[in-house]
């Protein structure tokens, strides 16, 4: 397993916590809470992308591009 999967999972959890925290305190309409929502969504998306690509890279078979016929 790649080290990127745990990093992605931590980013997903931290981003989710920021989103939940921003939603709960959003009634005050402070720019800080809006920034927490935006940052939390960005961090969650980053974690999903990093973990997803790491899992896909580990699961895919290696490509051998040198076995093809010449053109």
N, C-alpha and C. Protein backbone atom coordinates (compact mmCIF):
# COMPACT_ATOMS: atom_id res chain seq x y z
N UNK A 1 0.85 -1.18 0.00
CA UNK A 1 0.00 0.00 0.00
C UNK A 1 0.89 1.24 0.00
N UNK A 2 0.52 2.18 -0.79
CA UNK A 2 1.27 3.42 -0.91
C UNK A 2 1.03 4.32 0.31
N UNK A 3 1.97 5.19 0.57
CA UNK A 3 1.83 6.13 1.70
C UNK A 3 0.80 7.21 1.40
N UNK A 4 0.39 7.32 0.14
CA UNK A 4 -0.57 8.35 -0.23
C UNK A 4 -1.99 8.01 0.22
N UNK A 5 -2.29 6.74 0.40
CA UNK A 5 -3.64 6.36 0.83
C UNK A 5 -3.93 6.88 2.25
N UNK A 6 -3.05 6.65 3.23
CA UNK A 6 -3.33 7.22 4.56
C UNK A 6 -3.35 8.75 4.56
N UNK A 7 -2.49 9.36 3.75
CA UNK A 7 -2.49 10.83 3.67
C UNK A 7 -3.83 11.31 3.11
N UNK A 8 -4.34 10.62 2.09
CA UNK A 8 -5.64 10.97 1.53
C UNK A 8 -6.77 10.78 2.53
N UNK A 9 -6.70 9.70 3.30
CA UNK A 9 -7.75 9.46 4.29
C UNK A 9 -7.73 10.52 5.39
N UNK A 10 -6.55 10.93 5.81
CA UNK A 10 -6.45 12.00 6.81
C UNK A 10 -7.01 13.30 6.25
N UNK A 11 -6.70 13.59 4.99
CA UNK A 11 -7.23 14.80 4.36
C UNK A 11 -8.75 14.75 4.24
N UNK A 12 -9.29 13.58 3.92
CA UNK A 12 -10.75 13.44 3.83
C UNK A 12 -11.39 13.69 5.19
N UNK A 13 -10.83 13.11 6.24
CA UNK A 13 -11.40 13.28 7.57
C UNK A 13 -11.27 14.73 8.05
N UNK A 14 -10.12 15.35 7.83
CA UNK A 14 -9.94 16.74 8.25
C UNK A 14 -10.86 17.67 7.47
N UNK A 15 -10.99 17.44 6.17
CA UNK A 15 -11.89 18.25 5.36
C UNK A 15 -13.34 18.08 5.76
N UNK A 16 -13.72 16.85 6.05
CA UNK A 16 -15.09 16.60 6.51
C UNK A 16 -15.38 17.28 7.83
N UNK A 17 -14.39 17.28 8.73
CA UNK A 17 -14.56 17.96 10.02
C UNK A 17 -14.70 19.47 9.81
N UNK A 18 -13.93 20.03 8.88
CA UNK A 18 -14.06 21.47 8.60
C UNK A 18 -15.43 21.81 8.01
N UNK A 19 -15.91 20.96 7.12
CA UNK A 19 -17.22 21.21 6.51
C UNK A 19 -18.32 21.15 7.57
N UNK A 20 -18.28 20.13 8.41
CA UNK A 20 -19.30 20.00 9.45
C UNK A 20 -19.23 21.19 10.41
N UNK A 21 -18.03 21.58 10.79
CA UNK A 21 -17.87 22.72 11.68
C UNK A 21 -18.36 24.01 11.03
N UNK A 22 -18.07 24.19 9.75
CA UNK A 22 -18.54 25.37 9.04
C UNK A 22 -20.04 25.41 8.88
N UNK A 23 -20.67 24.27 8.68
CA UNK A 23 -22.12 24.21 8.52
C UNK A 23 -22.81 24.52 9.85
N UNK A 24 -22.29 23.99 10.94
CA UNK A 24 -22.92 24.22 12.24
C UNK A 24 -22.87 25.68 12.68
N UNK A 25 -21.81 26.38 12.32
CA UNK A 25 -21.65 27.77 12.75
C UNK A 25 -22.00 28.76 11.65
N UNK A 26 -22.63 28.31 10.59
CA UNK A 26 -22.88 29.17 9.43
C UNK A 26 -23.98 30.20 9.67
N UNK A 27 -24.76 30.07 10.73
CA UNK A 27 -25.86 31.02 10.95
C UNK A 27 -25.34 32.44 11.19
N UNK A 28 -24.14 32.57 11.72
CA UNK A 28 -23.60 33.89 12.03
C UNK A 28 -23.17 34.66 10.78
N UNK A 29 -23.02 33.99 9.65
CA UNK A 29 -22.63 34.61 8.37
C UNK A 29 -21.29 35.33 8.45
N UNK A 30 -20.36 34.77 9.20
CA UNK A 30 -19.02 35.34 9.25
C UNK A 30 -18.20 34.80 8.09
N UNK A 31 -17.30 35.61 7.56
CA UNK A 31 -16.44 35.13 6.46
C UNK A 31 -15.58 33.93 6.87
N UNK A 32 -15.27 33.83 8.15
CA UNK A 32 -14.47 32.70 8.62
C UNK A 32 -15.20 31.37 8.39
N UNK A 33 -16.48 31.35 8.64
CA UNK A 33 -17.25 30.12 8.48
C UNK A 33 -17.42 29.76 7.01
N UNK A 34 -17.54 30.76 6.17
CA UNK A 34 -17.60 30.51 4.73
C UNK A 34 -16.27 29.95 4.25
N UNK A 35 -15.18 30.52 4.76
CA UNK A 35 -13.85 30.01 4.41
C UNK A 35 -13.65 28.59 4.90
N UNK A 36 -14.22 28.26 6.06
CA UNK A 36 -14.13 26.89 6.56
C UNK A 36 -14.88 25.93 5.64
N UNK A 37 -16.03 26.35 5.14
CA UNK A 37 -16.78 25.51 4.20
C UNK A 37 -16.00 25.28 2.91
N UNK A 38 -15.47 26.35 2.35
CA UNK A 38 -14.73 26.24 1.09
C UNK A 38 -13.47 25.41 1.28
N UNK A 39 -12.70 25.72 2.32
CA UNK A 39 -11.47 24.98 2.58
C UNK A 39 -11.73 23.52 2.89
N UNK A 40 -12.79 23.24 3.62
CA UNK A 40 -13.13 21.86 3.94
C UNK A 40 -13.50 21.06 2.70
N UNK A 41 -14.25 21.69 1.80
CA UNK A 41 -14.62 20.99 0.56
C UNK A 41 -13.39 20.75 -0.32
N UNK A 42 -12.49 21.74 -0.36
CA UNK A 42 -11.27 21.57 -1.16
C UNK A 42 -10.37 20.49 -0.58
N UNK A 43 -10.23 20.46 0.74
CA UNK A 43 -9.39 19.45 1.39
C UNK A 43 -9.99 18.06 1.22
N UNK A 44 -11.31 17.94 1.31
CA UNK A 44 -11.96 16.66 1.10
C UNK A 44 -11.77 16.17 -0.33
N UNK A 45 -11.93 17.06 -1.29
CA UNK A 45 -11.73 16.68 -2.69
C UNK A 45 -10.29 16.28 -2.95
N UNK A 46 -9.34 17.00 -2.36
CA UNK A 46 -7.93 16.66 -2.50
C UNK A 46 -7.65 15.27 -1.95
N UNK A 47 -8.21 14.96 -0.79
CA UNK A 47 -8.01 13.64 -0.19
C UNK A 47 -8.60 12.53 -1.04
N UNK A 48 -9.77 12.77 -1.61
CA UNK A 48 -10.39 11.76 -2.47
C UNK A 48 -9.55 11.51 -3.71
N UNK A 49 -9.04 12.59 -4.31
CA UNK A 49 -8.22 12.45 -5.52
C UNK A 49 -6.91 11.73 -5.21
N UNK A 50 -6.23 12.13 -4.15
CA UNK A 50 -4.95 11.51 -3.79
C UNK A 50 -5.14 10.04 -3.47
N UNK A 51 -6.09 9.71 -2.62
CA UNK A 51 -6.32 8.31 -2.25
C UNK A 51 -6.80 7.50 -3.45
N UNK A 52 -7.66 8.07 -4.27
CA UNK A 52 -8.18 7.36 -5.44
C UNK A 52 -7.09 7.04 -6.44
N UNK A 53 -6.24 8.02 -6.75
CA UNK A 53 -5.16 7.76 -7.69
C UNK A 53 -4.15 6.78 -7.13
N UNK A 54 -3.88 6.83 -5.82
CA UNK A 54 -2.95 5.88 -5.21
C UNK A 54 -3.49 4.46 -5.29
N UNK A 55 -4.77 4.29 -5.03
CA UNK A 55 -5.39 2.96 -5.11
C UNK A 55 -5.40 2.47 -6.55
N UNK A 56 -5.74 3.34 -7.49
CA UNK A 56 -5.77 2.95 -8.90
C UNK A 56 -4.37 2.60 -9.40
N UNK A 57 -3.36 3.34 -8.97
CA UNK A 57 -1.99 3.07 -9.39
C UNK A 57 -1.52 1.72 -8.85
N UNK A 58 -1.90 1.39 -7.62
CA UNK A 58 -1.50 0.11 -7.04
C UNK A 58 -2.26 -1.05 -7.65
N UNK A 59 -3.47 -0.83 -8.11
CA UNK A 59 -4.29 -1.91 -8.63
C UNK A 59 -4.07 -2.18 -10.12
N UNK A 60 -3.52 -1.21 -10.84
CA UNK A 60 -3.36 -1.36 -12.29
C UNK A 60 -2.14 -2.20 -12.61
N UNK A 61 -2.24 -2.94 -13.70
CA UNK A 61 -1.10 -3.71 -14.18
C UNK A 61 -0.10 -2.76 -14.84
N UNK A 62 1.17 -3.05 -14.72
CA UNK A 62 2.16 -2.17 -15.35
C UNK A 62 2.07 -2.24 -16.88
N UNK A 63 2.30 -1.12 -17.51
CA UNK A 63 2.27 -1.05 -18.97
C UNK A 63 3.65 -1.37 -19.52
N UNK A 64 3.68 -2.15 -20.57
CA UNK A 64 4.93 -2.42 -21.27
C UNK A 64 4.78 -1.87 -22.68
N UNK A 65 5.27 -0.67 -22.86
CA UNK A 65 5.08 0.00 -24.14
C UNK A 65 6.12 -0.41 -25.18
N UNK A 66 7.07 -1.23 -24.81
CA UNK A 66 8.13 -1.63 -25.74
C UNK A 66 7.80 -2.91 -26.52
N UNK A 67 6.66 -3.52 -26.28
CA UNK A 67 6.30 -4.76 -26.95
C UNK A 67 5.46 -4.54 -28.19
N UNK A 68 5.07 -3.33 -28.48
CA UNK A 68 4.23 -3.05 -29.65
C UNK A 68 5.01 -3.11 -30.94
N UNK A 69 4.29 -3.27 -32.04
CA UNK A 69 4.90 -3.30 -33.36
C UNK A 69 5.31 -1.90 -33.78
N UNK A 70 6.32 -1.81 -34.59
CA UNK A 70 6.75 -0.50 -35.09
C UNK A 70 5.78 -0.01 -36.14
N UNK A 71 5.70 1.28 -36.29
CA UNK A 71 4.74 1.86 -37.24
C UNK A 71 5.44 2.43 -38.44
